[in-house]
Amino acid sequence: MGRRKRIHTKPTEIDWRDIPVSQRPRNLQFPFGIYFKTWQYLRWYLLLLLPVIFGMVAVWIRREGLFRTVGTFVLGAGVALALFITLCSRIQTSNWGTYFRSTEPVRYWLGVAVAAGFYVLFGVVGGYFIHWR
């Protein structure tokens, strides 16, 4: 009995571009570790984290408590990571679908604008204006 050839069923980026948007997988999982292997990518993410860190310091100076201080950083860093991965991979994936920068630029940049809006709301502005007393 001979060995059967293994058929690869995992689609690649090239295969996804040929599939209509309605049939593409949604909420893809990206191995974000590959973007932090070089200093070039890491420094851009750290630059995105600067306003988040300043916002966290602003919450800590107002003595809002450890939970709110750490929560501000975690939420801002998570949104910054989502924005960073979307920009680096040139693939925007959400509940709306999966869009590529090269083939669907309008939908891609709309998704980037939503992620950037959440980054500004939670990462940049949130730390400066959070005051729940």
N, C-alpha and C. Protein backbone atom coordinates (compact mmCIF):
# COMPACT_ATOMS: atom_id res chain seq x y z
N MET A 1 0.84 -1.17 0.00
CA MET A 1 0.00 0.00 0.00
C MET A 1 0.89 1.24 0.00
N GLY A 2 0.73 2.09 -0.98
CA GLY A 2 1.55 3.28 -1.08
C GLY A 2 1.02 4.43 -0.22
N ARG A 3 1.88 5.37 0.00
CA ARG A 3 1.47 6.56 0.76
C ARG A 3 0.65 7.48 -0.12
N ARG A 4 -0.36 8.06 0.47
CA ARG A 4 -1.16 9.03 -0.25
C ARG A 4 -0.51 10.40 -0.16
N LYS A 5 -0.68 11.16 -1.21
CA LYS A 5 -0.18 12.53 -1.16
C LYS A 5 -1.05 13.34 -0.24
N ARG A 6 -0.42 14.17 0.52
CA ARG A 6 -1.15 15.02 1.45
C ARG A 6 -1.68 16.25 0.70
N ILE A 7 -2.95 16.48 0.82
CA ILE A 7 -3.55 17.64 0.17
C ILE A 7 -3.64 18.75 1.20
N HIS A 8 -3.05 19.88 0.88
CA HIS A 8 -3.09 21.03 1.78
C HIS A 8 -4.41 21.75 1.60
N THR A 9 -5.19 21.82 2.66
CA THR A 9 -6.50 22.47 2.58
C THR A 9 -6.49 23.87 3.16
N LYS A 10 -5.39 24.27 3.77
CA LYS A 10 -5.33 25.60 4.37
C LYS A 10 -5.10 26.63 3.27
N PRO A 11 -6.07 27.56 3.10
CA PRO A 11 -5.90 28.53 2.01
C PRO A 11 -4.80 29.54 2.33
N THR A 12 -4.16 30.01 1.31
CA THR A 12 -3.15 31.03 1.46
C THR A 12 -3.74 32.37 1.05
N GLU A 13 -2.97 33.43 1.23
CA GLU A 13 -3.46 34.76 0.89
C GLU A 13 -3.83 34.85 -0.58
N ILE A 14 -3.07 34.21 -1.45
CA ILE A 14 -3.35 34.26 -2.89
C ILE A 14 -4.67 33.58 -3.18
N ASP A 15 -4.95 32.47 -2.51
CA ASP A 15 -6.22 31.78 -2.69
C ASP A 15 -7.39 32.63 -2.21
N TRP A 16 -7.22 33.37 -1.13
CA TRP A 16 -8.31 34.18 -0.58
C TRP A 16 -8.70 35.30 -1.52
N ARG A 17 -7.75 35.83 -2.24
CA ARG A 17 -8.06 36.92 -3.16
C ARG A 17 -8.93 36.46 -4.31
N ASP A 18 -8.85 35.19 -4.67
CA ASP A 18 -9.66 34.65 -5.75
C ASP A 18 -11.08 34.29 -5.30
N ILE A 19 -11.28 34.17 -4.01
CA ILE A 19 -12.59 33.80 -3.46
C ILE A 19 -13.41 35.08 -3.27
N PRO A 20 -14.70 35.05 -3.60
CA PRO A 20 -15.54 36.24 -3.35
C PRO A 20 -15.56 36.60 -1.86
N VAL A 21 -15.76 37.87 -1.59
CA VAL A 21 -15.71 38.38 -0.21
C VAL A 21 -16.69 37.65 0.70
N SER A 22 -17.87 37.34 0.20
CA SER A 22 -18.89 36.70 1.04
C SER A 22 -18.50 35.28 1.44
N GLN A 23 -17.58 34.65 0.72
CA GLN A 23 -17.18 33.28 1.02
C GLN A 23 -15.83 33.18 1.73
N ARG A 24 -15.18 34.30 1.98
CA ARG A 24 -13.89 34.29 2.68
C ARG A 24 -14.09 34.04 4.17
N PRO A 25 -13.09 33.48 4.83
CA PRO A 25 -13.18 33.31 6.27
C PRO A 25 -13.18 34.66 6.98
N ARG A 26 -13.85 34.73 8.10
CA ARG A 26 -13.91 35.97 8.89
C ARG A 26 -13.12 35.78 10.17
N ASN A 27 -12.66 36.89 10.73
CA ASN A 27 -11.91 36.90 11.98
C ASN A 27 -10.72 35.94 11.94
N LEU A 28 -9.85 36.17 10.99
CA LEU A 28 -8.65 35.35 10.87
C LEU A 28 -7.73 35.57 12.06
N GLN A 29 -7.01 34.55 12.42
CA GLN A 29 -6.02 34.64 13.49
C GLN A 29 -4.66 34.85 12.85
N PHE A 30 -3.99 35.92 13.23
CA PHE A 30 -2.67 36.22 12.67
C PHE A 30 -1.59 35.89 13.68
N PRO A 31 -0.51 35.27 13.24
CA PRO A 31 0.63 35.06 14.14
C PRO A 31 1.41 36.37 14.26
N PHE A 32 1.03 37.20 15.24
CA PHE A 32 1.60 38.54 15.33
C PHE A 32 3.06 38.53 15.77
N GLY A 33 3.57 37.41 16.20
CA GLY A 33 4.97 37.34 16.61
C GLY A 33 5.94 37.60 15.47
N ILE A 34 5.52 37.30 14.24
CA ILE A 34 6.43 37.51 13.11
C ILE A 34 6.71 38.98 12.88
N TYR A 35 5.83 39.86 13.33
CA TYR A 35 6.04 41.29 13.13
C TYR A 35 6.96 41.90 14.18
N PHE A 36 7.29 41.15 15.22
CA PHE A 36 8.16 41.68 16.26
C PHE A 36 9.56 41.08 16.21
N LYS A 37 9.87 40.35 15.16
CA LYS A 37 11.21 39.75 15.05
C LYS A 37 12.27 40.75 14.63
N THR A 38 11.86 41.80 13.96
CA THR A 38 12.84 42.80 13.53
C THR A 38 12.59 44.10 14.28
N TRP A 39 13.64 44.85 14.47
CA TRP A 39 13.57 46.11 15.19
C TRP A 39 12.69 47.12 14.45
N GLN A 40 12.67 47.02 13.12
CA GLN A 40 11.91 47.97 12.32
C GLN A 40 10.43 47.93 12.69
N TYR A 41 9.84 46.74 12.83
CA TYR A 41 8.43 46.64 13.19
C TYR A 41 8.20 46.94 14.66
N LEU A 42 9.11 46.46 15.50
CA LEU A 42 8.94 46.65 16.93
C LEU A 42 8.94 48.12 17.31
N ARG A 43 9.78 48.91 16.69
CA ARG A 43 9.82 50.32 17.04
C ARG A 43 8.54 51.05 16.63
N TRP A 44 7.89 50.63 15.55
CA TRP A 44 6.62 51.25 15.18
C TRP A 44 5.52 50.92 16.18
N TYR A 45 5.52 49.69 16.69
CA TYR A 45 4.53 49.35 17.72
C TYR A 45 4.82 50.11 19.01
N LEU A 46 6.09 50.22 19.38
CA LEU A 46 6.44 50.99 20.58
C LEU A 46 6.07 52.46 20.41
N LEU A 47 6.19 52.98 19.22
CA LEU A 47 5.76 54.35 18.95
C LEU A 47 4.25 54.50 19.11
N LEU A 48 3.51 53.48 18.69
CA LEU A 48 2.06 53.50 18.90
C LEU A 48 1.71 53.41 20.39
N LEU A 49 2.58 52.80 21.18
CA LEU A 49 2.32 52.65 22.61
C LEU A 49 2.61 53.91 23.43
N LEU A 50 3.37 54.84 22.89
CA LEU A 50 3.72 56.04 23.66
C LEU A 50 2.50 56.80 24.17
N PRO A 51 1.51 57.14 23.34
CA PRO A 51 0.33 57.83 23.89
C PRO A 51 -0.43 56.99 24.90
N VAL A 52 -0.41 55.67 24.72
CA VAL A 52 -1.08 54.78 25.68
C VAL A 52 -0.37 54.85 27.03
N ILE A 53 0.95 54.86 27.01
CA ILE A 53 1.72 54.95 28.26
C ILE A 53 1.48 56.30 28.94
N PHE A 54 1.45 57.38 28.15
CA PHE A 54 1.18 58.69 28.73
C PHE A 54 -0.22 58.75 29.33
N GLY A 55 -1.18 58.12 28.68
CA GLY A 55 -2.54 58.06 29.22
C GLY A 55 -2.59 57.26 30.51
N MET A 56 -1.84 56.17 30.56
CA MET A 56 -1.78 55.36 31.78
C MET A 56 -1.17 56.16 32.93
N VAL A 57 -0.12 56.91 32.64
CA VAL A 57 0.50 57.76 33.66
C VAL A 57 -0.49 58.83 34.14
N ALA A 58 -1.28 59.38 33.21
CA ALA A 58 -2.27 60.39 33.60
C ALA A 58 -3.32 59.79 34.54
N VAL A 59 -3.73 58.57 34.27
CA VAL A 59 -4.70 57.91 35.16
C VAL A 59 -4.05 57.63 36.51
N TRP A 60 -2.80 57.21 36.52
CA TRP A 60 -2.11 56.92 37.78
C TRP A 60 -1.90 58.19 38.61
N ILE A 61 -1.57 59.31 37.95
CA ILE A 61 -1.35 60.57 38.67
C ILE A 61 -2.63 61.04 39.34
N ARG A 62 -3.78 60.80 38.70
CA ARG A 62 -5.06 61.19 39.29
C ARG A 62 -5.51 60.24 40.39
N ARG A 63 -4.70 59.22 40.67
CA ARG A 63 -4.97 58.24 41.72
C ARG A 63 -6.32 57.56 41.52
N GLU A 64 -6.50 57.04 40.30
CA GLU A 64 -7.74 56.34 39.97
C GLU A 64 -7.72 54.89 40.43
N GLY A 65 -6.60 54.41 40.85
CA GLY A 65 -6.50 53.03 41.32
C GLY A 65 -5.71 52.17 40.34
N LEU A 66 -5.21 51.08 40.87
CA LEU A 66 -4.38 50.18 40.07
C LEU A 66 -5.18 49.51 38.96
N PHE A 67 -6.42 49.11 39.24
CA PHE A 67 -7.24 48.42 38.25
C PHE A 67 -7.49 49.31 37.03
N ARG A 68 -7.84 50.54 37.24
CA ARG A 68 -8.10 51.46 36.13
C ARG A 68 -6.81 51.82 35.39
N THR A 69 -5.72 51.92 36.12
CA THR A 69 -4.44 52.24 35.49
C THR A 69 -3.99 51.10 34.57
N VAL A 70 -4.01 49.89 35.08
CA VAL A 70 -3.61 48.74 34.27
C VAL A 70 -4.63 48.49 33.16
N GLY A 71 -5.90 48.66 33.47
CA GLY A 71 -6.94 48.47 32.46
C GLY A 71 -6.80 49.44 31.30
N THR A 72 -6.44 50.68 31.59
CA THR A 72 -6.22 51.67 30.53
C THR A 72 -5.08 51.24 29.63
N PHE A 73 -4.01 50.74 30.24
CA PHE A 73 -2.87 50.29 29.43
C PHE A 73 -3.21 49.06 28.61
N VAL A 74 -3.83 48.07 29.21
CA VAL A 74 -4.14 46.82 28.50
C VAL A 74 -5.10 47.07 27.35
N LEU A 75 -6.13 47.86 27.58
CA LEU A 75 -7.10 48.16 26.53
C LEU A 75 -6.44 48.95 25.39
N GLY A 76 -5.67 49.97 25.74
CA GLY A 76 -4.99 50.76 24.72
C GLY A 76 -3.95 49.97 23.96
N ALA A 77 -3.19 49.12 24.66
CA ALA A 77 -2.18 48.31 23.99
C ALA A 77 -2.81 47.27 23.07
N GLY A 78 -3.95 46.72 23.48
CA GLY A 78 -4.66 45.75 22.64
C GLY A 78 -5.20 46.38 21.37
N VAL A 79 -5.78 47.55 21.49
CA VAL A 79 -6.29 48.24 20.31
C VAL A 79 -5.13 48.68 19.41
N ALA A 80 -4.03 49.12 20.01
CA ALA A 80 -2.84 49.48 19.23
C ALA A 80 -2.29 48.26 18.50
N LEU A 81 -2.32 47.09 19.13
CA LEU A 81 -1.86 45.86 18.48
C LEU A 81 -2.75 45.51 17.30
N ALA A 82 -4.06 45.64 17.47
CA ALA A 82 -4.98 45.35 16.36
C ALA A 82 -4.72 46.29 15.18
N LEU A 83 -4.52 47.56 15.46
CA LEU A 83 -4.23 48.52 14.40
C LEU A 83 -2.88 48.21 13.74
N PHE A 84 -1.90 47.88 14.54
CA PHE A 84 -0.56 47.57 14.04
C PHE A 84 -0.58 46.34 13.13
N ILE A 85 -1.25 45.28 13.55
CA ILE A 85 -1.31 44.04 12.75
C ILE A 85 -2.07 44.29 11.46
N THR A 86 -3.13 45.08 11.52
CA THR A 86 -3.89 45.39 10.31
C THR A 86 -3.03 46.14 9.30
N LEU A 87 -2.26 47.09 9.77
CA LEU A 87 -1.41 47.87 8.87
C LEU A 87 -0.24 47.04 8.33
N CYS A 88 0.36 46.22 9.16
CA CYS A 88 1.52 45.44 8.72
C CYS A 88 1.14 44.30 7.78
N SER A 89 0.04 43.63 8.05
CA SER A 89 -0.34 42.49 7.24
C SER A 89 -1.05 42.90 5.95
N ARG A 90 -1.54 44.12 5.91
CA ARG A 90 -2.32 44.62 4.77
C ARG A 90 -3.58 43.81 4.54
N ILE A 91 -4.07 43.19 5.61
CA ILE A 91 -5.32 42.44 5.58
C ILE A 91 -6.18 42.94 6.73
N GLN A 92 -7.39 43.35 6.44
CA GLN A 92 -8.32 43.79 7.47
C GLN A 92 -9.39 42.71 7.60
N THR A 93 -9.51 42.14 8.77
CA THR A 93 -10.47 41.08 8.99
C THR A 93 -11.32 41.40 10.20
N SER A 94 -12.62 41.22 10.07
CA SER A 94 -13.55 41.50 11.16
C SER A 94 -14.81 40.69 10.92
N ASN A 95 -15.86 41.00 11.66
CA ASN A 95 -17.14 40.34 11.44
C ASN A 95 -17.73 40.71 10.09
N TRP A 96 -17.31 41.80 9.51
CA TRP A 96 -17.81 42.23 8.20
C TRP A 96 -17.22 41.39 7.08
N GLY A 97 -16.04 40.86 7.27
CA GLY A 97 -15.37 40.06 6.25
C GLY A 97 -13.87 40.29 6.28
N THR A 98 -13.20 39.73 5.30
CA THR A 98 -11.76 39.84 5.16
C THR A 98 -11.46 40.61 3.88
N TYR A 99 -10.72 41.70 4.02
CA TYR A 99 -10.43 42.57 2.87
C TYR A 99 -8.93 42.79 2.76
N PHE A 100 -8.46 42.85 1.53
CA PHE A 100 -7.05 43.06 1.25
C PHE A 100 -6.83 44.48 0.78
N ARG A 101 -5.70 45.02 1.15
CA ARG A 101 -5.38 46.39 0.76
C ARG A 101 -5.22 46.53 -0.75
N SER A 102 -4.71 45.50 -1.39
CA SER A 102 -4.45 45.59 -2.83
C SER A 102 -5.70 45.40 -3.68
N THR A 103 -6.66 44.59 -3.22
CA THR A 103 -7.82 44.31 -4.06
C THR A 103 -9.09 45.05 -3.65
N GLU A 104 -9.28 45.31 -2.37
CA GLU A 104 -10.45 46.08 -1.88
C GLU A 104 -9.98 47.24 -1.01
N PRO A 105 -9.36 48.26 -1.62
CA PRO A 105 -8.76 49.32 -0.81
C PRO A 105 -9.77 50.14 0.00
N VAL A 106 -10.96 50.35 -0.54
CA VAL A 106 -11.95 51.18 0.18
C VAL A 106 -12.40 50.47 1.45
N ARG A 107 -12.76 49.21 1.34
CA ARG A 107 -13.20 48.45 2.52
C ARG A 107 -12.05 48.24 3.50
N TYR A 108 -10.85 48.04 2.98
CA TYR A 108 -9.69 47.88 3.85
C TYR A 108 -9.47 49.14 4.68
N TRP A 109 -9.43 50.30 4.01
CA TRP A 109 -9.16 51.55 4.73
C TRP A 109 -10.32 51.94 5.63
N LEU A 110 -11.54 51.52 5.31
CA LEU A 110 -12.66 51.75 6.22
C LEU A 110 -12.44 50.98 7.52
N GLY A 111 -11.99 49.73 7.41
CA GLY A 111 -11.67 48.95 8.61
C GLY A 111 -10.52 49.52 9.39
N VAL A 112 -9.51 50.03 8.69
CA VAL A 112 -8.38 50.67 9.36
C VAL A 112 -8.85 51.94 10.07
N ALA A 113 -9.75 52.69 9.45
CA ALA A 113 -10.27 53.91 10.08
C ALA A 113 -11.05 53.58 11.36
N VAL A 114 -11.79 52.49 11.36
CA VAL A 114 -12.51 52.07 12.57
C VAL A 114 -11.51 51.69 13.66
N ALA A 115 -10.49 50.91 13.30
CA ALA A 115 -9.46 50.53 14.28
C ALA A 115 -8.71 51.75 14.79
N ALA A 116 -8.41 52.70 13.90
CA ALA A 116 -7.73 53.93 14.33
C ALA A 116 -8.62 54.77 15.22
N GLY A 117 -9.90 54.79 14.95
CA GLY A 117 -10.83 55.51 15.82
C GLY A 117 -10.87 54.93 17.23
N PHE A 118 -10.90 53.60 17.32
CA PHE A 118 -10.86 52.97 18.64
C PHE A 118 -9.51 53.21 19.32
N TYR A 119 -8.44 53.24 18.55
CA TYR A 119 -7.12 53.53 19.12
C TYR A 119 -7.10 54.93 19.71
N VAL A 120 -7.62 55.89 18.99
CA VAL A 120 -7.65 57.27 19.50
C VAL A 120 -8.56 57.36 20.72
N LEU A 121 -9.70 56.68 20.67
CA LEU A 121 -10.64 56.73 21.78
C LEU A 121 -10.09 56.08 23.04
N PHE A 122 -9.60 54.85 22.92
CA PHE A 122 -9.15 54.12 24.10
C PHE A 122 -7.67 54.32 24.41
N GLY A 123 -6.85 54.41 23.39
CA GLY A 123 -5.42 54.47 23.62
C GLY A 123 -4.89 55.84 23.89
N VAL A 124 -5.38 56.83 23.16
CA VAL A 124 -4.81 58.17 23.28
C VAL A 124 -5.64 59.04 24.22
N VAL A 125 -6.91 59.17 23.94
CA VAL A 125 -7.76 60.11 24.68
C VAL A 125 -8.25 59.51 25.99
N GLY A 126 -8.50 58.20 26.02
CA GLY A 126 -9.10 57.56 27.18
C GLY A 126 -8.35 57.80 28.48
N GLY A 127 -7.04 57.74 28.45
CA GLY A 127 -6.26 57.90 29.67
C GLY A 127 -6.29 59.31 30.22
N TYR A 128 -6.47 60.29 29.35
CA TYR A 128 -6.45 61.67 29.79
C TYR A 128 -7.79 62.13 30.36
N PHE A 129 -8.87 61.55 29.88
CA PHE A 129 -10.19 62.04 30.28
C PHE A 129 -10.99 61.05 31.13
N ILE A 130 -10.35 59.97 31.53
CA ILE A 130 -11.08 58.99 32.35
C ILE A 130 -11.16 59.51 33.79
N HIS A 131 -12.35 59.64 34.27
CA HIS A 131 -12.57 60.10 35.64
C HIS A 131 -13.97 59.71 36.03
N TRP A 132 -14.10 58.62 36.81
CA TRP A 132 -15.41 58.05 37.09
C TRP A 132 -15.91 58.35 38.50
N ARG A 133 -15.57 59.46 39.06
CA ARG A 133 -16.06 59.75 40.41
C ARG A 133 -17.17 60.74 40.41
